[in-house]
Amino acid sequence: ENHSRAFALYGAAIRKDPTSLDTWNDYSFALSQRQLYREAEWAARRSLALKRTGDALFMVANNIMGQKRFDEACNTYQEAHQETPLSMDIAHNLGYCRHLNNDTKGAVEAALATCELYVEARGTTGEGKDQ
């Protein structure tokens, strides 16, 4: 409930250890929950600069999409998908972003890829059994 206090604590944690991925990720998430997408993108990019991963790219893309910059978001989701091709969340958001960007063919391709990942996961981990 006390957002200014929480953000002040994030600032203190970042000053104490500006290389903490967890702090940058949590700060970005907290900002995005307040729909402060530009600031959340900035924090997510700080995390990405520390360690390039599919999840870091996913977080950046989510915040770009929140700003309705769909071309850039789709490109970033595509990068994330290449980095982490087995992530259902990334594949799903790539399809949704393409849909919002009026790329029907790309949206369908990403949706099919997401379904394939769910089916594969069902056979190995039990995930997706109700999908």
C-alpha atoms as a PDB file:
ATOM      1  CA  GLU A   1       0.000   0.000   0.000  1.00  0.00           C
ATOM      2  CA  ASN A   2       2.868   2.421   0.703  1.00  0.00           C
ATOM      3  CA  HIS A   3       4.380   2.686  -2.787  1.00  0.00           C
ATOM      4  CA  SER A   4       6.711   5.606  -2.110  1.00  0.00           C
ATOM      5  CA  ARG A   5       8.278   3.752   0.802  1.00  0.00           C
ATOM      6  CA  ALA A   6       8.657   0.586  -1.279  1.00  0.00           C
ATOM      7  CA  PHE A   7      10.289   2.473  -4.144  1.00  0.00           C
ATOM      8  CA  ALA A   8      12.623   4.239  -1.689  1.00  0.00           C
ATOM      9  CA  LEU A   9      13.666   0.819  -0.379  1.00  0.00           C
ATOM     10  CA  TYR A  10      14.315  -0.414  -3.929  1.00  0.00           C
ATOM     11  CA  GLY A  11      16.467   2.664  -4.504  1.00  0.00           C
ATOM     12  CA  ALA A  12      18.448   1.929  -1.333  1.00  0.00           C
ATOM     13  CA  ALA A  13      18.913  -1.712  -2.350  1.00  0.00           C
ATOM     14  CA  ILE A  14      20.137  -0.683  -5.812  1.00  0.00           C
ATOM     15  CA  ARG A  15      22.590   1.821  -4.339  1.00  0.00           C
ATOM     16  CA  LYS A  16      23.880  -0.867  -1.983  1.00  0.00           C
ATOM     17  CA  ASP A  17      24.352  -3.420  -4.806  1.00  0.00           C
ATOM     18  CA  PRO A  18      23.783  -2.071  -8.334  1.00  0.00           C
ATOM     19  CA  THR A  19      24.718  -5.491  -9.759  1.00  0.00           C
ATOM     20  CA  SER A  20      21.849  -7.376  -8.090  1.00  0.00           C
ATOM     21  CA  LEU A  21      19.709  -8.944 -10.815  1.00  0.00           C
ATOM     22  CA  ASP A  22      16.982  -9.784  -8.320  1.00  0.00           C
ATOM     23  CA  THR A  23      16.701  -6.183  -7.169  1.00  0.00           C
ATOM     24  CA  TRP A  24      16.492  -4.790 -10.707  1.00  0.00           C
ATOM     25  CA  ASN A  25      13.968  -7.472 -11.697  1.00  0.00           C
ATOM     26  CA  ASP A  26      11.795  -6.880  -8.639  1.00  0.00           C
ATOM     27  CA  TYR A  27      11.998  -3.110  -9.081  1.00  0.00           C
ATOM     28  CA  SER A  28      10.977  -3.420 -12.738  1.00  0.00           C
ATOM     29  CA  PHE A  29       8.073  -5.684 -11.788  1.00  0.00           C
ATOM     30  CA  ALA A  30       6.893  -3.297  -9.061  1.00  0.00           C
ATOM     31  CA  LEU A  31       7.006  -0.369 -11.479  1.00  0.00           C
ATOM     32  CA  SER A  32       5.076  -2.301 -14.120  1.00  0.00           C
ATOM     33  CA  GLN A  33       2.414  -3.209 -11.545  1.00  0.00           C
ATOM     34  CA  ARG A  34       1.901   0.530 -11.088  1.00  0.00           C
ATOM     35  CA  GLN A  35       1.721   0.830 -14.912  1.00  0.00           C
ATOM     36  CA  LEU A  36       4.904   2.901 -14.934  1.00  0.00           C
ATOM     37  CA  TYR A  37       6.047   1.068 -18.050  1.00  0.00           C
ATOM     38  CA  ARG A  38       8.727   3.491 -19.212  1.00  0.00           C
ATOM     39  CA  GLU A  39      10.438   3.388 -15.823  1.00  0.00           C
ATOM     40  CA  ALA A  40       9.921  -0.380 -15.617  1.00  0.00           C
ATOM     41  CA  GLU A  41      11.531  -0.773 -19.050  1.00  0.00           C
ATOM     42  CA  TRP A  42      14.525   1.243 -17.840  1.00  0.00           C
ATOM     43  CA  ALA A  43      14.943  -1.033 -14.789  1.00  0.00           C
ATOM     44  CA  ALA A  44      14.473  -4.153 -16.935  1.00  0.00           C
ATOM     45  CA  ARG A  45      17.145  -2.922 -19.347  1.00  0.00           C
ATOM     46  CA  ARG A  46      19.517  -2.476 -16.397  1.00  0.00           C
ATOM     47  CA  SER A  47      18.945  -6.125 -15.518  1.00  0.00           C
ATOM     48  CA  LEU A  48      19.426  -7.111 -19.167  1.00  0.00           C
ATOM     49  CA  ALA A  49      22.728  -5.219 -19.272  1.00  0.00           C
ATOM     50  CA  LEU A  50      23.931  -7.235 -16.276  1.00  0.00           C
ATOM     51  CA  LYS A  51      22.937 -10.592 -17.758  1.00  0.00           C
ATOM     52  CA  ARG A  52      21.371 -11.234 -21.147  1.00  0.00           C
ATOM     53  CA  THR A  53      18.747 -13.966 -20.835  1.00  0.00           C
ATOM     54  CA  GLY A  54      15.455 -14.792 -22.482  1.00  0.00           C
ATOM     55  CA  ASP A  55      13.674 -13.884 -19.251  1.00  0.00           C
ATOM     56  CA  ALA A  56      15.387 -10.483 -19.128  1.00  0.00           C
ATOM     57  CA  LEU A  57      14.404  -9.805 -22.745  1.00  0.00           C
ATOM     58  CA  PHE A  58      10.862 -10.982 -21.919  1.00  0.00           C
ATOM     59  CA  MET A  59      10.640  -8.448 -19.099  1.00  0.00           C
ATOM     60  CA  VAL A  60      11.875  -5.648 -21.373  1.00  0.00           C
ATOM     61  CA  ALA A  61       9.378  -6.653 -24.078  1.00  0.00           C
ATOM     62  CA  ASN A  62       6.479  -6.732 -21.598  1.00  0.00           C
ATOM     63  CA  ASN A  63       7.209  -3.150 -20.599  1.00  0.00           C
ATOM     64  CA  ILE A  64       7.630  -2.012 -24.200  1.00  0.00           C
ATOM     65  CA  MET A  65       4.266  -3.586 -25.021  1.00  0.00           C
ATOM     66  CA  GLY A  66       2.730  -1.759 -22.048  1.00  0.00           C
ATOM     67  CA  GLN A  67       3.744   1.458 -23.826  1.00  0.00           C
ATOM     68  CA  LYS A  68       2.011   0.234 -27.021  1.00  0.00           C
ATOM     69  CA  ARG A  69       5.280   0.184 -28.992  1.00  0.00           C
ATOM     70  CA  PHE A  70       4.230  -3.045 -30.665  1.00  0.00           C
ATOM     71  CA  ASP A  71       6.865  -3.284 -33.448  1.00  0.00           C
ATOM     72  CA  GLU A  72       9.693  -2.972 -30.950  1.00  0.00           C
ATOM     73  CA  ALA A  73       7.969  -5.275 -28.453  1.00  0.00           C
ATOM     74  CA  CYS A  74       7.468  -7.986 -31.098  1.00  0.00           C
ATOM     75  CA  ASN A  75      11.124  -7.743 -32.110  1.00  0.00           C
ATOM     76  CA  THR A  76      12.208  -8.025 -28.483  1.00  0.00           C
ATOM     77  CA  TYR A  77       9.891 -10.993 -27.850  1.00  0.00           C
ATOM     78  CA  GLN A  78      11.389 -12.613 -30.963  1.00  0.00           C
ATOM     79  CA  GLU A  79      14.886 -12.109 -29.526  1.00  0.00           C
ATOM     80  CA  ALA A  80      13.702 -13.590 -26.221  1.00  0.00           C
ATOM     81  CA  HIS A  81      12.180 -16.553 -28.050  1.00  0.00           C
ATOM     82  CA  GLN A  82      15.458 -17.193 -29.862  1.00  0.00           C
ATOM     83  CA  GLU A  83      17.318 -16.977 -26.553  1.00  0.00           C
ATOM     84  CA  THR A  84      14.848 -19.269 -24.725  1.00  0.00           C
ATOM     85  CA  PRO A  85      12.927 -21.266 -27.356  1.00  0.00           C
ATOM     86  CA  LEU A  86      11.213 -23.576 -24.840  1.00  0.00           C
ATOM     87  CA  SER A  87       9.486 -20.809 -22.872  1.00  0.00           C
ATOM     88  CA  MET A  88       5.725 -21.038 -23.261  1.00  0.00           C
ATOM     89  CA  ASP A  89       5.286 -17.574 -21.738  1.00  0.00           C
ATOM     90  CA  ILE A  90       7.594 -15.959 -24.282  1.00  0.00           C
ATOM     91  CA  ALA A  91       6.003 -17.811 -27.219  1.00  0.00           C
ATOM     92  CA  HIS A  92       2.537 -16.849 -25.996  1.00  0.00           C
ATOM     93  CA  ASN A  93       3.371 -13.167 -25.575  1.00  0.00           C
ATOM     94  CA  LEU A  94       5.107 -13.108 -28.966  1.00  0.00           C
ATOM     95  CA  GLY A  95       1.863 -14.311 -30.548  1.00  0.00           C
ATOM     96  CA  TYR A  96      -0.262 -11.854 -28.599  1.00  0.00           C
ATOM     97  CA  CYS A  97       2.046  -8.973 -29.525  1.00  0.00           C
ATOM     98  CA  ARG A  98       1.903  -9.957 -33.191  1.00  0.00           C
ATOM     99  CA  HIS A  99      -1.894 -10.041 -32.927  1.00  0.00           C
ATOM    100  CA  LEU A 100      -1.928  -6.521 -31.460  1.00  0.00           C
ATOM    101  CA  ASN A 101       0.429  -5.458 -34.257  1.00  0.00           C
ATOM    102  CA  ASN A 102      -2.040  -6.780 -36.887  1.00  0.00           C
ATOM    103  CA  ASP A 103       0.349  -9.561 -37.972  1.00  0.00           C
ATOM    104  CA  THR A 104      -2.210 -12.362 -38.250  1.00  0.00           C
ATOM    105  CA  LYS A 105       0.121 -14.891 -39.868  1.00  0.00           C
ATOM    106  CA  GLY A 106       2.851 -14.257 -37.283  1.00  0.00           C
ATOM    107  CA  ALA A 107       0.312 -14.452 -34.452  1.00  0.00           C
ATOM    108  CA  VAL A 108      -0.991 -17.815 -35.664  1.00  0.00           C
ATOM    109  CA  GLU A 109       2.537 -19.181 -36.083  1.00  0.00           C
ATOM    110  CA  ALA A 110       3.446 -18.137 -32.540  1.00  0.00           C
ATOM    111  CA  ALA A 111       0.168 -19.546 -31.181  1.00  0.00           C
ATOM    112  CA  LEU A 112       0.896 -22.886 -32.843  1.00  0.00           C
ATOM    113  CA  ALA A 113       4.443 -22.852 -31.425  1.00  0.00           C
ATOM    114  CA  THR A 114       2.982 -22.176 -27.975  1.00  0.00           C
ATOM    115  CA  CYS A 115       0.571 -25.112 -28.362  1.00  0.00           C
ATOM    116  CA  GLU A 116       3.438 -27.375 -29.420  1.00  0.00           C
ATOM    117  CA  LEU A 117       5.387 -26.371 -26.328  1.00  0.00           C
ATOM    118  CA  TYR A 118       2.358 -27.134 -24.121  1.00  0.00           C
ATOM    119  CA  VAL A 119       1.936 -30.557 -25.714  1.00  0.00           C
ATOM    120  CA  GLU A 120       5.652 -31.336 -25.309  1.00  0.00           C
ATOM    121  CA  ALA A 121       5.613 -30.175 -21.687  1.00  0.00           C
ATOM    122  CA  ARG A 122       2.613 -32.340 -20.937  1.00  0.00           C
ATOM    123  CA  GLY A 123       4.567 -35.404 -21.899  1.00  0.00           C
ATOM    124  CA  THR A 124       7.621 -34.545 -19.803  1.00  0.00           C
ATOM    125  CA  THR A 125       6.615 -32.444 -16.812  1.00  0.00           C
ATOM    126  CA  GLY A 126       2.854 -32.647 -16.519  1.00  0.00           C
ATOM    127  CA  GLU A 127       2.577 -28.945 -17.370  1.00  0.00           C
ATOM    128  CA  GLY A 128      -0.184 -28.058 -19.767  1.00  0.00           C
ATOM    129  CA  LYS A 129      -2.247 -31.185 -19.080  1.00  0.00           C
ATOM    130  CA  ASP A 130      -5.420 -29.088 -18.894  1.00  0.00           C
ATOM    131  CA  GLN A 131      -4.552 -26.920 -21.878  1.00  0.00           C
END
